[in-house]
Amino acid sequence: MASEIIIVSGLPRSGTSLMMQMLESGGVPIVTDHIRAPDEDNPKGYREFELAKKIEKDTTWLPATRGKAFKMVSQLLFHLPPTERYRIIFMERDLDEMLISQEKMLKRLGRPGAPHEEMKQAFVRHLDKVHRWLNSQPHVTILRVSYKDLLHRPAELAEQVRSFLAQDLNIEKMTQTVDRSLYRNRRESRVGETHPTPPAPEADAEEE
């Protein structure tokens, strides 16, 4: 495992920051530069690494991350060089929930967003493409984690992560990292309902 690189990936607002926090709490060395500070959209921090966003042009930093974990948005996974071996924890979330969360964040930042259904279809196509690609890469091992399941069964999912990484992680600390009160933009199952129930106005902060 010391020679493998751990990557937490997924679409924006899919729970990648929460998984990074869990890994850090469990004892996995993480790679972050702390440039992006916590905010009301992600009160416990993003754990991002700016160099990861430049992987298409620069991969010289990758060998130094062996045995450690960093976060990378799924659109950039295609640029991972096959000269390294990766264990990827891929966060999955209901697309309507995720888009509602992203739309609210963009609104707070004063940035325009594309129409909901347009973005949803684009993400569906992207996820199909990225998972087909990942499944064809011999240097990649992947664990898919449901954001909703993680919030409702954190100890069980933490154990799955521990087994996937084959490391002696602190399951108790990983579980304690999960704060279900930050799960705001959830989909409610109601007869005849086709869109997520909007959260209460004051309840809009959540982990990415």
N, C-alpha and C. Protein backbone atom coordinates (compact mmCIF):
# COMPACT_ATOMS: atom_id res chain seq x y z
N MET A 1 0.81 -1.22 0.00
CA MET A 1 0.00 0.00 0.00
C MET A 1 0.84 1.26 0.00
N ALA A 2 2.07 1.19 0.53
CA ALA A 2 2.90 2.39 0.61
C ALA A 2 3.24 2.92 -0.77
N SER A 3 3.20 2.05 -1.78
CA SER A 3 3.54 2.49 -3.13
C SER A 3 2.32 2.96 -3.91
N GLU A 4 1.11 2.76 -3.35
CA GLU A 4 -0.11 3.15 -4.04
C GLU A 4 -0.57 4.54 -3.60
N ILE A 5 -1.27 5.20 -4.49
CA ILE A 5 -1.79 6.54 -4.22
C ILE A 5 -3.29 6.42 -3.98
N ILE A 6 -3.76 7.03 -2.90
CA ILE A 6 -5.18 7.01 -2.56
C ILE A 6 -5.82 8.30 -3.06
N ILE A 7 -6.90 8.16 -3.82
CA ILE A 7 -7.60 9.33 -4.34
C ILE A 7 -9.07 9.26 -3.94
N VAL A 8 -9.57 10.35 -3.40
CA VAL A 8 -11.01 10.48 -3.13
C VAL A 8 -11.59 11.32 -4.26
N SER A 9 -12.55 10.75 -4.99
CA SER A 9 -13.06 11.43 -6.16
C SER A 9 -14.58 11.37 -6.21
N GLY A 10 -15.13 12.05 -7.20
CA GLY A 10 -16.57 12.12 -7.39
C GLY A 10 -16.93 13.47 -8.00
N LEU A 11 -18.20 13.68 -8.22
CA LEU A 11 -18.68 14.96 -8.71
C LEU A 11 -18.67 15.99 -7.58
N PRO A 12 -18.73 17.27 -7.91
CA PRO A 12 -18.81 18.29 -6.85
C PRO A 12 -20.03 18.06 -5.97
N ARG A 13 -19.89 18.31 -4.68
CA ARG A 13 -20.96 18.19 -3.69
C ARG A 13 -21.42 16.75 -3.50
N SER A 14 -20.53 15.80 -3.70
CA SER A 14 -20.92 14.39 -3.58
C SER A 14 -20.42 13.74 -2.30
N GLY A 15 -19.73 14.49 -1.44
CA GLY A 15 -19.25 13.95 -0.18
C GLY A 15 -17.75 13.70 -0.14
N THR A 16 -17.02 14.24 -1.10
CA THR A 16 -15.57 14.00 -1.13
C THR A 16 -14.85 14.62 0.06
N SER A 17 -15.28 15.80 0.48
CA SER A 17 -14.63 16.43 1.63
C SER A 17 -14.86 15.62 2.89
N LEU A 18 -16.07 15.11 3.05
CA LEU A 18 -16.37 14.29 4.22
C LEU A 18 -15.50 13.05 4.24
N MET A 19 -15.33 12.40 3.11
CA MET A 19 -14.48 11.21 3.07
C MET A 19 -13.03 11.56 3.39
N MET A 20 -12.55 12.69 2.90
CA MET A 20 -11.20 13.11 3.24
C MET A 20 -11.05 13.33 4.74
N GLN A 21 -12.05 13.93 5.35
CA GLN A 21 -12.02 14.14 6.80
C GLN A 21 -12.00 12.82 7.55
N MET A 22 -12.78 11.84 7.05
CA MET A 22 -12.80 10.53 7.68
C MET A 22 -11.45 9.83 7.57
N LEU A 23 -10.83 9.90 6.40
CA LEU A 23 -9.53 9.29 6.22
C LEU A 23 -8.50 9.92 7.16
N GLU A 24 -8.54 11.23 7.24
CA GLU A 24 -7.60 11.94 8.12
C GLU A 24 -7.81 11.53 9.57
N SER A 25 -9.07 11.46 9.99
CA SER A 25 -9.38 11.06 11.37
C SER A 25 -8.97 9.62 11.63
N GLY A 26 -9.09 8.79 10.61
CA GLY A 26 -8.76 7.38 10.77
C GLY A 26 -7.28 7.07 10.80
N GLY A 27 -6.46 8.02 10.34
CA GLY A 27 -5.01 7.82 10.39
C GLY A 27 -4.32 7.77 9.05
N VAL A 28 -5.05 8.07 7.97
CA VAL A 28 -4.43 8.10 6.65
C VAL A 28 -3.76 9.46 6.44
N PRO A 29 -2.49 9.51 6.06
CA PRO A 29 -1.86 10.81 5.75
C PRO A 29 -2.56 11.42 4.54
N ILE A 30 -2.99 12.66 4.66
CA ILE A 30 -3.65 13.31 3.54
C ILE A 30 -2.78 14.43 2.98
N VAL A 31 -3.00 14.74 1.72
CA VAL A 31 -2.25 15.80 1.05
C VAL A 31 -3.21 16.95 0.79
N THR A 32 -2.97 18.06 1.44
CA THR A 32 -3.80 19.25 1.26
C THR A 32 -2.94 20.48 1.50
N ASP A 33 -3.29 21.57 0.85
CA ASP A 33 -2.52 22.80 1.02
C ASP A 33 -3.27 23.84 1.83
N HIS A 34 -4.50 23.56 2.22
CA HIS A 34 -5.32 24.45 3.06
C HIS A 34 -5.57 25.82 2.41
N ILE A 35 -5.39 25.90 1.10
CA ILE A 35 -5.63 27.18 0.42
C ILE A 35 -7.11 27.53 0.45
N ARG A 36 -7.97 26.54 0.20
CA ARG A 36 -9.40 26.79 0.24
C ARG A 36 -9.90 26.60 1.67
N ALA A 37 -10.30 27.68 2.29
CA ALA A 37 -10.69 27.66 3.69
C ALA A 37 -12.12 27.17 3.87
N PRO A 38 -12.47 26.70 5.08
CA PRO A 38 -13.86 26.33 5.35
C PRO A 38 -14.78 27.52 5.14
N ASP A 39 -16.02 27.25 4.74
CA ASP A 39 -17.00 28.32 4.58
C ASP A 39 -18.38 27.76 4.91
N GLU A 40 -19.42 28.55 4.70
CA GLU A 40 -20.75 28.09 5.09
C GLU A 40 -21.24 26.93 4.22
N ASP A 41 -20.67 26.75 3.05
CA ASP A 41 -21.04 25.63 2.21
C ASP A 41 -20.35 24.35 2.65
N ASN A 42 -19.23 24.47 3.31
CA ASN A 42 -18.46 23.32 3.76
C ASN A 42 -17.76 23.70 5.07
N PRO A 43 -18.51 23.72 6.18
CA PRO A 43 -17.99 24.27 7.43
C PRO A 43 -16.82 23.52 8.05
N LYS A 44 -16.61 22.27 7.65
CA LYS A 44 -15.50 21.51 8.22
C LYS A 44 -14.28 21.47 7.29
N GLY A 45 -14.34 22.19 6.19
CA GLY A 45 -13.18 22.30 5.32
C GLY A 45 -13.23 21.39 4.11
N TYR A 46 -12.48 21.78 3.07
CA TYR A 46 -12.51 21.09 1.78
C TYR A 46 -11.40 20.06 1.60
N ARG A 47 -10.28 20.25 2.27
CA ARG A 47 -9.13 19.34 2.14
C ARG A 47 -8.69 19.23 0.68
N GLU A 48 -8.59 20.35 -0.01
CA GLU A 48 -8.21 20.32 -1.43
C GLU A 48 -6.70 20.47 -1.60
N PHE A 49 -6.23 20.15 -2.78
CA PHE A 49 -4.81 20.23 -3.13
C PHE A 49 -4.73 20.83 -4.52
N GLU A 50 -4.25 22.06 -4.60
CA GLU A 50 -4.30 22.81 -5.86
C GLU A 50 -3.53 22.13 -6.98
N LEU A 51 -2.42 21.48 -6.68
CA LEU A 51 -1.65 20.83 -7.74
C LEU A 51 -2.45 19.74 -8.43
N ALA A 52 -3.38 19.11 -7.71
CA ALA A 52 -4.18 18.06 -8.31
C ALA A 52 -5.02 18.60 -9.46
N LYS A 53 -5.37 19.88 -9.41
CA LYS A 53 -6.18 20.49 -10.46
C LYS A 53 -5.36 20.75 -11.73
N LYS A 54 -4.04 20.61 -11.63
CA LYS A 54 -3.17 20.90 -12.76
C LYS A 54 -2.56 19.64 -13.36
N ILE A 55 -3.16 18.50 -13.04
CA ILE A 55 -2.56 17.22 -13.41
C ILE A 55 -2.44 17.03 -14.92
N GLU A 56 -3.28 17.69 -15.70
CA GLU A 56 -3.21 17.53 -17.15
C GLU A 56 -1.88 18.02 -17.70
N LYS A 57 -1.28 19.00 -17.03
CA LYS A 57 -0.03 19.58 -17.51
C LYS A 57 1.18 19.24 -16.65
N ASP A 58 0.93 18.82 -15.39
CA ASP A 58 2.04 18.59 -14.47
C ASP A 58 1.75 17.39 -13.57
N THR A 59 2.57 16.36 -13.68
CA THR A 59 2.41 15.18 -12.82
C THR A 59 3.66 14.93 -11.98
N THR A 60 4.57 15.87 -11.95
CA THR A 60 5.83 15.66 -11.24
C THR A 60 5.64 15.49 -9.74
N TRP A 61 4.53 15.98 -9.21
CA TRP A 61 4.27 15.92 -7.78
C TRP A 61 3.68 14.58 -7.33
N LEU A 62 3.20 13.76 -8.28
CA LEU A 62 2.48 12.54 -7.94
C LEU A 62 3.30 11.53 -7.10
N PRO A 63 4.54 11.23 -7.44
CA PRO A 63 5.28 10.23 -6.66
C PRO A 63 5.35 10.55 -5.17
N ALA A 64 5.34 11.82 -4.82
CA ALA A 64 5.42 12.21 -3.40
C ALA A 64 4.14 11.90 -2.64
N THR A 65 3.06 11.55 -3.35
CA THR A 65 1.79 11.25 -2.69
C THR A 65 1.58 9.76 -2.47
N ARG A 66 2.54 8.93 -2.80
CA ARG A 66 2.39 7.49 -2.58
C ARG A 66 2.17 7.20 -1.11
N GLY A 67 1.20 6.37 -0.83
CA GLY A 67 0.86 6.04 0.54
C GLY A 67 0.01 7.08 1.24
N LYS A 68 -0.36 8.13 0.50
CA LYS A 68 -1.17 9.20 1.06
C LYS A 68 -2.46 9.36 0.25
N ALA A 69 -3.31 10.26 0.71
CA ALA A 69 -4.60 10.48 0.03
C ALA A 69 -4.77 11.94 -0.34
N PHE A 70 -5.30 12.17 -1.53
CA PHE A 70 -5.68 13.52 -1.90
C PHE A 70 -7.01 13.46 -2.64
N LYS A 71 -7.61 14.62 -2.81
CA LYS A 71 -8.93 14.72 -3.44
C LYS A 71 -8.78 15.20 -4.88
N MET A 72 -9.58 14.61 -5.76
CA MET A 72 -9.54 15.02 -7.17
C MET A 72 -10.94 14.87 -7.77
N VAL A 73 -11.43 15.92 -8.40
CA VAL A 73 -12.74 15.86 -9.04
C VAL A 73 -12.70 14.83 -10.16
N SER A 74 -13.81 14.15 -10.38
CA SER A 74 -13.82 13.01 -11.30
C SER A 74 -13.45 13.37 -12.73
N GLN A 75 -13.70 14.60 -13.15
CA GLN A 75 -13.39 15.01 -14.52
C GLN A 75 -11.89 14.95 -14.81
N LEU A 76 -11.06 14.96 -13.76
CA LEU A 76 -9.61 14.95 -13.96
C LEU A 76 -8.98 13.57 -13.88
N LEU A 77 -9.75 12.57 -13.53
CA LEU A 77 -9.19 11.23 -13.37
C LEU A 77 -8.58 10.69 -14.66
N PHE A 78 -9.12 11.10 -15.80
CA PHE A 78 -8.62 10.62 -17.09
C PHE A 78 -7.14 10.96 -17.30
N HIS A 79 -6.64 11.94 -16.56
CA HIS A 79 -5.25 12.39 -16.75
C HIS A 79 -4.27 11.69 -15.82
N LEU A 80 -4.74 10.73 -15.01
CA LEU A 80 -3.82 10.01 -14.14
C LEU A 80 -2.87 9.15 -14.97
N PRO A 81 -1.57 9.32 -14.82
CA PRO A 81 -0.64 8.52 -15.62
C PRO A 81 -0.62 7.06 -15.17
N PRO A 82 -0.53 6.13 -16.11
CA PRO A 82 -0.52 4.70 -15.77
C PRO A 82 0.78 4.23 -15.14
N THR A 83 1.70 5.13 -14.92
CA THR A 83 2.97 4.77 -14.28
C THR A 83 2.84 4.63 -12.77
N GLU A 84 1.69 5.02 -12.21
CA GLU A 84 1.43 4.86 -10.78
C GLU A 84 0.26 3.90 -10.58
N ARG A 85 0.11 3.42 -9.35
CA ARG A 85 -1.02 2.58 -8.99
C ARG A 85 -1.91 3.35 -8.02
N TYR A 86 -3.23 3.25 -8.21
CA TYR A 86 -4.17 4.06 -7.46
C TYR A 86 -5.26 3.22 -6.80
N ARG A 87 -5.64 3.64 -5.61
CA ARG A 87 -6.86 3.15 -4.97
C ARG A 87 -7.80 4.35 -4.89
N ILE A 88 -8.90 4.26 -5.59
CA ILE A 88 -9.81 5.40 -5.70
C ILE A 88 -11.11 5.11 -4.94
N ILE A 89 -11.42 6.00 -4.01
CA ILE A 89 -12.71 5.97 -3.32
C ILE A 89 -13.61 6.96 -4.05
N PHE A 90 -14.61 6.43 -4.73
CA PHE A 90 -15.46 7.26 -5.59
C PHE A 90 -16.79 7.50 -4.88
N MET A 91 -17.04 8.76 -4.54
CA MET A 91 -18.26 9.13 -3.83
C MET A 91 -19.42 9.28 -4.81
N GLU A 92 -20.56 8.69 -4.44
CA GLU A 92 -21.75 8.75 -5.29
C GLU A 92 -22.91 9.34 -4.49
N ARG A 93 -23.70 10.17 -5.18
CA ARG A 93 -24.83 10.82 -4.52
C ARG A 93 -25.97 11.03 -5.52
N ASP A 94 -27.19 11.01 -5.02
CA ASP A 94 -28.34 11.31 -5.86
C ASP A 94 -28.07 12.62 -6.62
N LEU A 95 -28.22 12.59 -7.93
CA LEU A 95 -27.84 13.74 -8.75
C LEU A 95 -28.69 14.97 -8.48
N ASP A 96 -29.98 14.78 -8.19
CA ASP A 96 -30.81 15.95 -7.88
C ASP A 96 -30.37 16.59 -6.58
N GLU A 97 -30.09 15.79 -5.56
CA GLU A 97 -29.58 16.33 -4.30
C GLU A 97 -28.29 17.11 -4.53
N MET A 98 -27.39 16.49 -5.27
CA MET A 98 -26.09 17.09 -5.50
C MET A 98 -26.22 18.42 -6.25
N LEU A 99 -27.08 18.46 -7.26
CA LEU A 99 -27.25 19.67 -8.04
C LEU A 99 -27.92 20.77 -7.25
N ILE A 100 -28.89 20.43 -6.41
CA ILE A 100 -29.51 21.43 -5.54
C ILE A 100 -28.46 22.06 -4.65
N SER A 101 -27.59 21.23 -4.08
CA SER A 101 -26.52 21.73 -3.21
C SER A 101 -25.57 22.62 -3.99
N GLN A 102 -25.18 22.20 -5.19
CA GLN A 102 -24.25 22.98 -6.01
C GLN A 102 -24.88 24.30 -6.44
N GLU A 103 -26.15 24.26 -6.81
CA GLU A 103 -26.84 25.48 -7.25
C GLU A 103 -26.90 26.51 -6.13
N LYS A 104 -27.15 26.06 -4.92
CA LYS A 104 -27.21 26.97 -3.78
C LYS A 104 -25.84 27.57 -3.49
N MET A 105 -24.79 26.76 -3.62
CA MET A 105 -23.44 27.26 -3.39
C MET A 105 -23.08 28.31 -4.44
N LEU A 106 -23.39 28.04 -5.72
CA LEU A 106 -23.09 28.99 -6.79
C LEU A 106 -23.86 30.29 -6.59
N LYS A 107 -25.10 30.17 -6.13
CA LYS A 107 -25.90 31.36 -5.89
C LYS A 107 -25.27 32.23 -4.82
N ARG A 108 -24.78 31.60 -3.75
CA ARG A 108 -24.12 32.36 -2.69
C ARG A 108 -22.86 33.04 -3.19
N LEU A 109 -22.19 32.39 -4.14
CA LEU A 109 -20.95 32.95 -4.68
C LEU A 109 -21.21 33.96 -5.79
N GLY A 110 -22.49 34.12 -6.17
CA GLY A 110 -22.84 35.06 -7.23
C GLY A 110 -22.41 34.59 -8.60
N ARG A 111 -22.35 33.27 -8.79
CA ARG A 111 -21.93 32.71 -10.07
C ARG A 111 -23.10 32.02 -10.74
N PRO A 112 -23.26 32.21 -12.04
CA PRO A 112 -24.37 31.58 -12.76
C PRO A 112 -24.16 30.08 -12.91
N GLY A 113 -25.24 29.36 -12.99
CA GLY A 113 -25.16 27.93 -13.21
C GLY A 113 -26.02 27.52 -14.39
N ALA A 114 -25.72 26.37 -14.98
CA ALA A 114 -26.51 25.88 -16.11
C ALA A 114 -27.84 25.34 -15.60
N PRO A 115 -28.85 25.22 -16.47
CA PRO A 115 -30.13 24.65 -16.06
C PRO A 115 -29.97 23.28 -15.42
N HIS A 116 -30.80 23.02 -14.41
CA HIS A 116 -30.71 21.79 -13.62
C HIS A 116 -30.72 20.53 -14.49
N GLU A 117 -31.72 20.38 -15.34
CA GLU A 117 -31.84 19.17 -16.13
C GLU A 117 -30.70 19.03 -17.13
N GLU A 118 -30.23 20.15 -17.65
CA GLU A 118 -29.10 20.11 -18.58
C GLU A 118 -27.85 19.58 -17.89
N MET A 119 -27.60 20.08 -16.68
CA MET A 119 -26.45 19.63 -15.91
C MET A 119 -26.60 18.16 -15.51
N LYS A 120 -27.81 17.78 -15.15
CA LYS A 120 -28.05 16.40 -14.73
C LYS A 120 -27.72 15.43 -15.86
N GLN A 121 -28.17 15.71 -17.06
CA GLN A 121 -27.89 14.83 -18.18
C GLN A 121 -26.40 14.81 -18.52
N ALA A 122 -25.75 15.96 -18.38
CA ALA A 122 -24.30 16.01 -18.63
C ALA A 122 -23.55 15.15 -17.61
N PHE A 123 -23.98 15.19 -16.36
CA PHE A 123 -23.34 14.39 -15.32
C PHE A 123 -23.60 12.90 -15.53
N VAL A 124 -24.80 12.56 -15.98
CA VAL A 124 -25.11 11.16 -16.27
C VAL A 124 -24.15 10.62 -17.34
N ARG A 125 -23.96 11.41 -18.39
CA ARG A 125 -23.05 10.99 -19.46
C ARG A 125 -21.61 10.90 -18.95
N HIS A 126 -21.22 11.87 -18.14
CA HIS A 126 -19.86 11.86 -17.60
C HIS A 126 -19.62 10.64 -16.71
N LEU A 127 -20.56 10.35 -15.83
CA LEU A 127 -20.38 9.23 -14.91
C LEU A 127 -20.28 7.91 -15.68
N ASP A 128 -21.08 7.76 -16.71
CA ASP A 128 -21.00 6.55 -17.52
C ASP A 128 -19.61 6.43 -18.15
N LYS A 129 -19.12 7.54 -18.67
CA LYS A 129 -17.80 7.54 -19.32
C LYS A 129 -16.68 7.26 -18.32
N VAL A 130 -16.72 7.93 -17.17
CA VAL A 130 -15.61 7.79 -16.23
C VAL A 130 -15.59 6.40 -15.60
N HIS A 131 -16.76 5.81 -15.34
CA HIS A 131 -16.77 4.48 -14.74
C HIS A 131 -16.33 3.42 -15.75
N ARG A 132 -16.71 3.58 -17.01
CA ARG A 132 -16.23 2.65 -18.02
C ARG A 132 -14.71 2.74 -18.16
N TRP A 133 -14.20 3.95 -18.08
CA TRP A 133 -12.75 4.16 -18.17
C TRP A 133 -12.04 3.55 -16.96
N LEU A 134 -12.55 3.84 -15.78
CA LEU A 134 -11.93 3.32 -14.56
C LEU A 134 -11.90 1.79 -14.55
N ASN A 135 -13.00 1.18 -14.97
CA ASN A 135 -13.08 -0.27 -14.98
C ASN A 135 -12.11 -0.92 -15.97
N SER A 136 -11.60 -0.13 -16.90
CA SER A 136 -10.68 -0.68 -17.91
C SER A 136 -9.22 -0.43 -17.56
N GLN A 137 -8.96 0.22 -16.44
CA GLN A 137 -7.59 0.58 -16.09
C GLN A 137 -6.98 -0.45 -15.13
N PRO A 138 -5.98 -1.19 -15.56
CA PRO A 138 -5.38 -2.22 -14.70
C PRO A 138 -4.63 -1.67 -13.50
N HIS A 139 -4.27 -0.39 -13.54
CA HIS A 139 -3.52 0.21 -12.44
C HIS A 139 -4.43 0.91 -11.42
N VAL A 140 -5.75 0.71 -11.56
CA VAL A 140 -6.72 1.37 -10.69
C VAL A 140 -7.58 0.32 -9.97
N THR A 141 -7.73 0.49 -8.65
CA THR A 141 -8.69 -0.28 -7.86
C THR A 141 -9.68 0.72 -7.30
N ILE A 142 -10.98 0.40 -7.38
CA ILE A 142 -11.97 1.41 -7.03
C ILE A 142 -12.98 0.88 -6.01
N LEU A 143 -13.35 1.75 -5.08
CA LEU A 143 -14.43 1.48 -4.12
C LEU A 143 -15.45 2.59 -4.28
N ARG A 144 -16.69 2.23 -4.60
CA ARG A 144 -17.75 3.22 -4.74
C ARG A 144 -18.52 3.32 -3.43
N VAL A 145 -18.68 4.54 -2.95
CA VAL A 145 -19.31 4.78 -1.65
C VAL A 145 -20.50 5.71 -1.81
N SER A 146 -21.65 5.28 -1.34
CA SER A 146 -22.85 6.12 -1.37
C SER A 146 -22.81 7.14 -0.24
N TYR A 147 -22.97 8.41 -0.59
CA TYR A 147 -22.99 9.48 0.41
C TYR A 147 -24.10 9.26 1.43
N LYS A 148 -25.27 8.88 0.94
CA LYS A 148 -26.41 8.65 1.83
C LYS A 148 -26.14 7.50 2.78
N ASP A 149 -25.61 6.40 2.25
CA ASP A 149 -25.29 5.25 3.10
C ASP A 149 -24.23 5.61 4.12
N LEU A 150 -23.27 6.41 3.72
CA LEU A 150 -22.21 6.82 4.62
C LEU A 150 -22.77 7.58 5.81
N LEU A 151 -23.74 8.44 5.57
CA LEU A 151 -24.33 9.23 6.65
C LEU A 151 -25.20 8.37 7.57
N HIS A 152 -25.87 7.38 7.01
CA HIS A 152 -26.78 6.56 7.80
C HIS A 152 -26.10 5.35 8.45
N ARG A 153 -25.01 4.87 7.84
CA ARG A 153 -24.30 3.71 8.38
C ARG A 153 -22.80 3.97 8.38
N PRO A 154 -22.36 5.00 9.10
CA PRO A 154 -20.94 5.41 9.01
C PRO A 154 -19.96 4.34 9.47
N ALA A 155 -20.28 3.60 10.52
CA ALA A 155 -19.34 2.59 11.01
C ALA A 155 -19.17 1.47 9.97
N GLU A 156 -20.27 1.05 9.37
CA GLU A 156 -20.22 0.00 8.36
C GLU A 156 -19.42 0.44 7.14
N LEU A 157 -19.65 1.67 6.70
CA LEU A 157 -18.93 2.16 5.52
C LEU A 157 -17.46 2.43 5.84
N ALA A 158 -17.18 2.89 7.07
CA ALA A 158 -15.79 3.10 7.48
C ALA A 158 -15.03 1.78 7.47
N GLU A 159 -15.70 0.70 7.88
CA GLU A 159 -15.07 -0.62 7.87
C GLU A 159 -14.80 -1.07 6.43
N GLN A 160 -15.70 -0.74 5.52
CA GLN A 160 -15.47 -1.07 4.11
C GLN A 160 -14.25 -0.33 3.58
N VAL A 161 -14.11 0.94 3.96
CA VAL A 161 -12.95 1.72 3.53
C VAL A 161 -11.67 1.13 4.12
N ARG A 162 -11.72 0.77 5.40
CA ARG A 162 -10.55 0.18 6.04
C ARG A 162 -10.11 -1.10 5.31
N SER A 163 -11.09 -1.94 4.97
CA SER A 163 -10.78 -3.17 4.27
C SER A 163 -10.23 -2.89 2.87
N PHE A 164 -10.80 -1.91 2.18
CA PHE A 164 -10.37 -1.55 0.84
C PHE A 164 -8.93 -1.05 0.84
N LEU A 165 -8.59 -0.25 1.84
CA LEU A 165 -7.24 0.31 1.90
C LEU A 165 -6.25 -0.64 2.58
N ALA A 166 -6.78 -1.69 3.23
CA ALA A 166 -5.93 -2.66 3.93
C ALA A 166 -5.01 -1.96 4.92
N GLN A 167 -5.60 -1.05 5.69
CA GLN A 167 -4.86 -0.33 6.71
C GLN A 167 -5.57 -0.44 8.05
N ASP A 168 -4.80 -0.31 9.11
CA ASP A 168 -5.36 -0.38 10.46
C ASP A 168 -5.88 1.00 10.86
N LEU A 169 -7.04 1.36 10.33
CA LEU A 169 -7.61 2.67 10.57
C LEU A 169 -8.44 2.69 11.85
N ASN A 170 -8.58 3.87 12.43
CA ASN A 170 -9.39 4.05 13.64
C ASN A 170 -10.85 4.23 13.23
N ILE A 171 -11.61 3.15 13.27
CA ILE A 171 -13.01 3.18 12.83
C ILE A 171 -13.84 4.11 13.70
N GLU A 172 -13.57 4.11 15.00
CA GLU A 172 -14.36 4.96 15.90
C GLU A 172 -14.20 6.44 15.56
N LYS A 173 -12.97 6.87 15.34
CA LYS A 173 -12.74 8.27 15.00
C LYS A 173 -13.32 8.61 13.63
N MET A 174 -13.23 7.70 12.69
CA MET A 174 -13.82 7.93 11.37
C MET A 174 -15.32 8.12 11.49
N THR A 175 -15.95 7.28 12.30
CA THR A 175 -17.40 7.35 12.48
C THR A 175 -17.81 8.65 13.15
N GLN A 176 -17.03 9.08 14.12
CA GLN A 176 -17.35 10.31 14.85
C GLN A 176 -17.23 11.55 13.95
N THR A 177 -16.49 11.43 12.86
CA THR A 177 -16.33 12.56 11.94
C THR A 177 -17.63 12.89 11.21
N VAL A 178 -18.49 11.89 11.02
CA VAL A 178 -19.72 12.06 10.26
C VAL A 178 -20.75 12.84 11.07
N ASP A 179 -21.24 13.91 10.51
CA ASP A 179 -22.24 14.76 11.15
C ASP A 179 -23.49 14.78 10.28
N ARG A 180 -24.48 14.02 10.65
CA ARG A 180 -25.69 13.93 9.82
C ARG A 180 -26.47 15.24 9.78
N SER A 181 -26.21 16.13 10.72
CA SER A 181 -26.94 17.41 10.70
C SER A 181 -26.57 18.25 9.49
N LEU A 182 -25.45 17.89 8.82
CA LEU A 182 -25.03 18.64 7.64
C LEU A 182 -25.65 18.09 6.36
N TYR A 183 -26.46 17.05 6.48
CA TYR A 183 -27.13 16.47 5.31
C TYR A 183 -28.43 17.24 5.09
N ARG A 184 -28.35 18.30 4.27
CA ARG A 184 -29.47 19.22 4.15
C ARG A 184 -30.32 18.99 2.90
N ASN A 185 -29.66 18.89 1.76
CA ASN A 185 -30.40 18.84 0.49
C ASN A 185 -30.74 17.41 0.12
N ARG A 186 -31.50 16.76 0.99
CA ARG A 186 -31.81 15.36 0.76
C ARG A 186 -33.08 15.20 -0.04
N ARG A 187 -33.14 14.09 -0.77
CA ARG A 187 -34.35 13.78 -1.54
C ARG A 187 -35.33 13.06 -0.62
N GLU A 188 -36.56 13.53 -0.62
CA GLU A 188 -37.62 12.88 0.14
C GLU A 188 -38.46 12.04 -0.82
N SER A 189 -38.79 10.84 -0.42
CA SER A 189 -39.61 9.96 -1.27
C SER A 189 -41.08 10.17 -0.95
N ARG A 190 -41.80 10.79 -1.87
CA ARG A 190 -43.21 11.02 -1.71
C ARG A 190 -43.94 10.63 -2.98
N VAL A 191 -45.14 10.13 -2.84
CA VAL A 191 -45.91 9.69 -3.99
C VAL A 191 -46.14 10.87 -4.94
N GLY A 192 -45.78 10.68 -6.20
CA GLY A 192 -46.01 11.71 -7.19
C GLY A 192 -44.98 12.82 -7.22
N GLU A 193 -44.00 12.79 -6.32
CA GLU A 193 -43.00 13.86 -6.27
C GLU A 193 -41.87 13.55 -7.24
N THR A 194 -41.51 14.51 -8.06
CA THR A 194 -40.45 14.30 -9.05
C THR A 194 -39.21 15.12 -8.77
N HIS A 195 -39.26 16.03 -7.79
CA HIS A 195 -38.11 16.86 -7.46
C HIS A 195 -37.84 16.76 -5.97
N PRO A 196 -36.59 17.01 -5.55
CA PRO A 196 -36.28 16.96 -4.14
C PRO A 196 -37.08 18.00 -3.37
N THR A 197 -37.47 17.66 -2.13
CA THR A 197 -38.11 18.64 -1.27
C THR A 197 -37.09 19.67 -0.85
N PRO A 198 -37.33 20.96 -1.05
CA PRO A 198 -36.33 21.96 -0.69
C PRO A 198 -36.14 22.01 0.81
N PRO A 199 -34.89 22.23 1.27
CA PRO A 199 -34.62 22.29 2.69
C PRO A 199 -35.14 23.58 3.29
N ALA A 200 -35.19 23.60 4.61
CA ALA A 200 -35.58 24.83 5.30
C ALA A 200 -34.56 25.91 5.01
N PRO A 201 -34.94 27.19 4.97
CA PRO A 201 -34.03 28.25 4.59
C PRO A 201 -32.75 28.29 5.40
N GLU A 202 -32.83 27.97 6.69
CA GLU A 202 -31.63 28.08 7.51
C GLU A 202 -30.77 26.84 7.44
N ALA A 203 -31.24 25.77 6.80
CA ALA A 203 -30.54 24.50 6.82
C ALA A 203 -29.92 24.21 5.46
N ASP A 204 -28.83 24.88 5.14
CA ASP A 204 -28.29 24.73 3.80
C ASP A 204 -26.81 24.44 3.74
N ALA A 205 -26.14 24.38 4.87
CA ALA A 205 -24.72 24.05 4.86
C ALA A 205 -24.57 22.54 4.93
N GLU A 206 -23.62 22.02 4.19
CA GLU A 206 -23.39 20.58 4.23
C GLU A 206 -21.99 20.29 3.72
N GLU A 207 -21.54 19.08 4.02
CA GLU A 207 -20.22 18.69 3.55
C GLU A 207 -20.27 18.40 2.06
N GLU A 208 -19.22 18.81 1.39
CA GLU A 208 -19.15 18.58 -0.06
C GLU A 208 -19.03 17.10 -0.33
